[in-house]
Amino acid sequence: MHFYNGHNLNQVSGKNNVIYQKFAGVCLEPKGFVNAVNIKHFPLSQVTPDKPYQHSIVYEFYYPDGNKSFN
């Protein structure tokens, strides 16, 4: 999992012309093992016509009080 904290946002124009400042967003980017093709014991994430790739990820976030959640 890669986490980006929005530190490169600086006066970036977004949807409906909203201007985003530094640290105005986050990104969670799921990743495979980047060097898996070169390391035999790593799971391979190579896609071919006879070996398609399908994956689902569910993220759940909770408020500090634990009562409300969304995903």
N, C-alpha and C. Protein backbone atom coordinates (compact mmCIF):
# COMPACT_ATOMS: atom_id res chain seq x y z
N MET A 1 0.85 -1.16 0.00
CA MET A 1 0.00 0.00 0.00
C MET A 1 0.90 1.23 0.00
N HIS A 2 0.65 2.11 -0.91
CA HIS A 2 1.32 3.41 -0.92
C HIS A 2 0.35 4.46 -0.40
N PHE A 3 0.87 5.37 0.37
CA PHE A 3 0.08 6.47 0.92
C PHE A 3 0.67 7.78 0.43
N TYR A 4 -0.15 8.61 -0.19
CA TYR A 4 0.26 9.94 -0.62
C TYR A 4 -0.50 10.95 0.21
N ASN A 5 0.20 11.96 0.70
CA ASN A 5 -0.43 12.91 1.62
C ASN A 5 -0.80 14.25 1.01
N GLY A 6 -0.70 14.42 -0.26
CA GLY A 6 -1.10 15.66 -0.91
C GLY A 6 -0.11 16.79 -0.74
N HIS A 7 1.14 16.48 -0.39
CA HIS A 7 2.11 17.56 -0.19
C HIS A 7 2.46 18.30 -1.47
N ASN A 8 2.18 17.68 -2.63
CA ASN A 8 2.47 18.36 -3.90
C ASN A 8 1.30 19.19 -4.40
N LEU A 9 0.19 19.15 -3.71
CA LEU A 9 -0.93 20.01 -4.09
C LEU A 9 -0.59 21.43 -3.69
N ASN A 10 -0.69 22.34 -4.61
CA ASN A 10 -0.43 23.74 -4.30
C ASN A 10 -1.13 24.58 -5.35
N GLN A 11 -2.28 25.09 -4.98
CA GLN A 11 -3.09 25.89 -5.91
C GLN A 11 -3.52 25.05 -7.12
N VAL A 12 -3.90 23.78 -6.88
CA VAL A 12 -4.34 22.89 -7.95
C VAL A 12 -5.84 23.07 -8.14
N SER A 13 -6.25 23.29 -9.39
CA SER A 13 -7.67 23.46 -9.70
C SER A 13 -8.31 22.09 -9.87
N GLY A 14 -9.41 21.87 -9.13
CA GLY A 14 -10.10 20.59 -9.18
C GLY A 14 -11.50 20.73 -9.75
N LYS A 15 -12.34 19.76 -9.43
CA LYS A 15 -13.72 19.74 -9.90
C LYS A 15 -14.46 21.00 -9.47
N ASN A 16 -15.25 21.54 -10.34
CA ASN A 16 -16.02 22.77 -10.10
C ASN A 16 -15.11 23.94 -9.74
N ASN A 17 -13.88 23.92 -10.29
CA ASN A 17 -12.89 24.99 -10.10
C ASN A 17 -12.51 25.22 -8.65
N VAL A 18 -12.66 24.21 -7.82
CA VAL A 18 -12.20 24.31 -6.43
C VAL A 18 -10.67 24.29 -6.44
N ILE A 19 -10.05 25.18 -5.69
CA ILE A 19 -8.60 25.25 -5.59
C ILE A 19 -8.13 24.47 -4.37
N TYR A 20 -7.24 23.50 -4.60
CA TYR A 20 -6.73 22.68 -3.51
C TYR A 20 -5.35 23.17 -3.07
N GLN A 21 -5.18 23.30 -1.75
CA GLN A 21 -3.92 23.72 -1.16
C GLN A 21 -3.09 22.49 -0.80
N LYS A 22 -1.87 22.72 -0.32
CA LYS A 22 -1.02 21.63 0.14
C LYS A 22 -1.74 20.79 1.20
N PHE A 23 -1.57 19.49 1.13
CA PHE A 23 -2.12 18.53 2.09
C PHE A 23 -3.66 18.52 2.11
N ALA A 24 -4.29 18.94 1.01
CA ALA A 24 -5.75 18.99 0.96
C ALA A 24 -6.37 17.65 0.57
N GLY A 25 -5.58 16.63 0.42
CA GLY A 25 -6.14 15.34 0.05
C GLY A 25 -5.19 14.21 0.39
N VAL A 26 -5.71 13.00 0.32
CA VAL A 26 -4.90 11.81 0.53
C VAL A 26 -5.23 10.80 -0.57
N CYS A 27 -4.32 9.88 -0.79
CA CYS A 27 -4.53 8.82 -1.75
C CYS A 27 -3.99 7.52 -1.17
N LEU A 28 -4.79 6.48 -1.20
CA LEU A 28 -4.35 5.13 -0.83
C LEU A 28 -4.26 4.34 -2.12
N GLU A 29 -3.05 3.92 -2.47
CA GLU A 29 -2.85 3.23 -3.73
C GLU A 29 -2.37 1.80 -3.48
N PRO A 30 -3.25 0.82 -3.73
CA PRO A 30 -2.82 -0.57 -3.55
C PRO A 30 -1.80 -0.94 -4.62
N LYS A 31 -0.80 -1.68 -4.22
CA LYS A 31 0.26 -2.05 -5.15
C LYS A 31 0.58 -3.54 -4.99
N GLY A 32 1.03 -4.13 -6.07
CA GLY A 32 1.60 -5.46 -6.00
C GLY A 32 3.05 -5.34 -5.57
N PHE A 33 3.75 -6.44 -5.52
CA PHE A 33 5.17 -6.39 -5.24
C PHE A 33 5.88 -5.87 -6.48
N VAL A 34 6.42 -4.68 -6.40
CA VAL A 34 6.96 -3.99 -7.57
C VAL A 34 8.02 -4.81 -8.30
N ASN A 35 8.88 -5.50 -7.59
CA ASN A 35 9.96 -6.26 -8.20
C ASN A 35 9.65 -7.76 -8.26
N ALA A 36 8.39 -8.13 -8.19
CA ALA A 36 8.01 -9.55 -8.11
C ALA A 36 8.49 -10.37 -9.29
N VAL A 37 8.57 -9.80 -10.46
CA VAL A 37 9.00 -10.54 -11.64
C VAL A 37 10.45 -11.02 -11.51
N ASN A 38 11.23 -10.37 -10.67
CA ASN A 38 12.64 -10.73 -10.50
C ASN A 38 12.95 -11.54 -9.24
N ILE A 39 11.97 -11.74 -8.38
CA ILE A 39 12.20 -12.46 -7.13
C ILE A 39 11.24 -13.65 -7.07
N LYS A 40 11.79 -14.85 -7.15
CA LYS A 40 10.98 -16.06 -7.33
C LYS A 40 9.94 -16.29 -6.26
N HIS A 41 10.22 -15.99 -5.00
CA HIS A 41 9.27 -16.31 -3.93
C HIS A 41 8.21 -15.21 -3.73
N PHE A 42 8.26 -14.14 -4.52
CA PHE A 42 7.22 -13.11 -4.43
C PHE A 42 6.03 -13.50 -5.30
N PRO A 43 4.80 -13.17 -4.87
CA PRO A 43 3.63 -13.44 -5.72
C PRO A 43 3.69 -12.59 -6.99
N LEU A 44 3.47 -13.21 -8.11
CA LEU A 44 3.55 -12.53 -9.40
C LEU A 44 2.24 -11.83 -9.72
N SER A 45 2.31 -10.61 -10.16
CA SER A 45 1.10 -9.86 -10.53
C SER A 45 1.11 -9.54 -12.02
N GLN A 46 1.60 -10.49 -12.80
CA GLN A 46 1.67 -10.31 -14.25
C GLN A 46 0.34 -10.73 -14.87
N VAL A 47 -0.15 -9.93 -15.81
CA VAL A 47 -1.43 -10.18 -16.47
C VAL A 47 -1.16 -10.60 -17.91
N THR A 48 -1.82 -11.68 -18.33
CA THR A 48 -1.72 -12.15 -19.71
C THR A 48 -3.14 -12.44 -20.20
N PRO A 49 -3.34 -12.60 -21.52
CA PRO A 49 -4.68 -12.90 -22.02
C PRO A 49 -5.28 -14.17 -21.42
N ASP A 50 -4.46 -15.17 -21.13
CA ASP A 50 -4.98 -16.41 -20.56
C ASP A 50 -5.00 -16.39 -19.03
N LYS A 51 -4.46 -15.33 -18.43
CA LYS A 51 -4.45 -15.20 -16.97
C LYS A 51 -4.87 -13.78 -16.59
N PRO A 52 -6.16 -13.48 -16.74
CA PRO A 52 -6.63 -12.12 -16.41
C PRO A 52 -6.53 -11.85 -14.91
N TYR A 53 -6.56 -10.59 -14.57
CA TYR A 53 -6.43 -10.19 -13.17
C TYR A 53 -7.72 -9.55 -12.70
N GLN A 54 -8.19 -9.97 -11.55
CA GLN A 54 -9.37 -9.37 -10.94
C GLN A 54 -9.14 -9.33 -9.44
N HIS A 55 -9.46 -8.20 -8.85
CA HIS A 55 -9.19 -8.03 -7.43
C HIS A 55 -10.19 -7.04 -6.85
N SER A 56 -10.60 -7.27 -5.64
CA SER A 56 -11.50 -6.34 -4.94
C SER A 56 -10.87 -5.96 -3.61
N ILE A 57 -10.97 -4.69 -3.26
CA ILE A 57 -10.50 -4.20 -1.97
C ILE A 57 -11.62 -3.38 -1.36
N VAL A 58 -11.88 -3.61 -0.09
CA VAL A 58 -12.88 -2.83 0.64
C VAL A 58 -12.15 -2.08 1.75
N TYR A 59 -12.28 -0.77 1.76
CA TYR A 59 -11.70 0.04 2.81
C TYR A 59 -12.82 0.47 3.75
N GLU A 60 -12.61 0.36 5.03
CA GLU A 60 -13.57 0.85 6.02
C GLU A 60 -12.87 1.86 6.92
N PHE A 61 -13.52 2.98 7.14
CA PHE A 61 -12.98 4.04 7.97
C PHE A 61 -13.96 4.30 9.11
N TYR A 62 -13.44 4.52 10.29
CA TYR A 62 -14.25 4.71 11.47
C TYR A 62 -13.91 6.02 12.15
N TYR A 63 -14.92 6.66 12.70
CA TYR A 63 -14.71 7.84 13.52
C TYR A 63 -14.08 7.41 14.85
N PRO A 64 -13.39 8.31 15.52
CA PRO A 64 -12.72 7.95 16.78
C PRO A 64 -13.65 7.36 17.83
N ASP A 65 -14.94 7.76 17.88
CA ASP A 65 -15.83 7.23 18.89
C ASP A 65 -16.31 5.82 18.55
N GLY A 66 -16.04 5.36 17.33
CA GLY A 66 -16.38 4.01 16.94
C GLY A 66 -17.84 3.79 16.59
N ASN A 67 -18.68 4.81 16.71
CA ASN A 67 -20.11 4.64 16.46
C ASN A 67 -20.52 4.81 15.01
N LYS A 68 -19.83 5.65 14.27
CA LYS A 68 -20.21 5.91 12.89
C LYS A 68 -19.13 5.38 11.98
N SER A 69 -19.53 4.81 10.86
CA SER A 69 -18.54 4.34 9.90
C SER A 69 -19.05 4.58 8.48
N PHE A 70 -18.15 4.54 7.57
CA PHE A 70 -18.49 4.60 6.15
C PHE A 70 -17.44 3.81 5.40
N ASN A 71 -17.79 3.34 4.19
CA ASN A 71 -16.80 2.64 3.36
C ASN A 71 -17.06 2.93 1.91
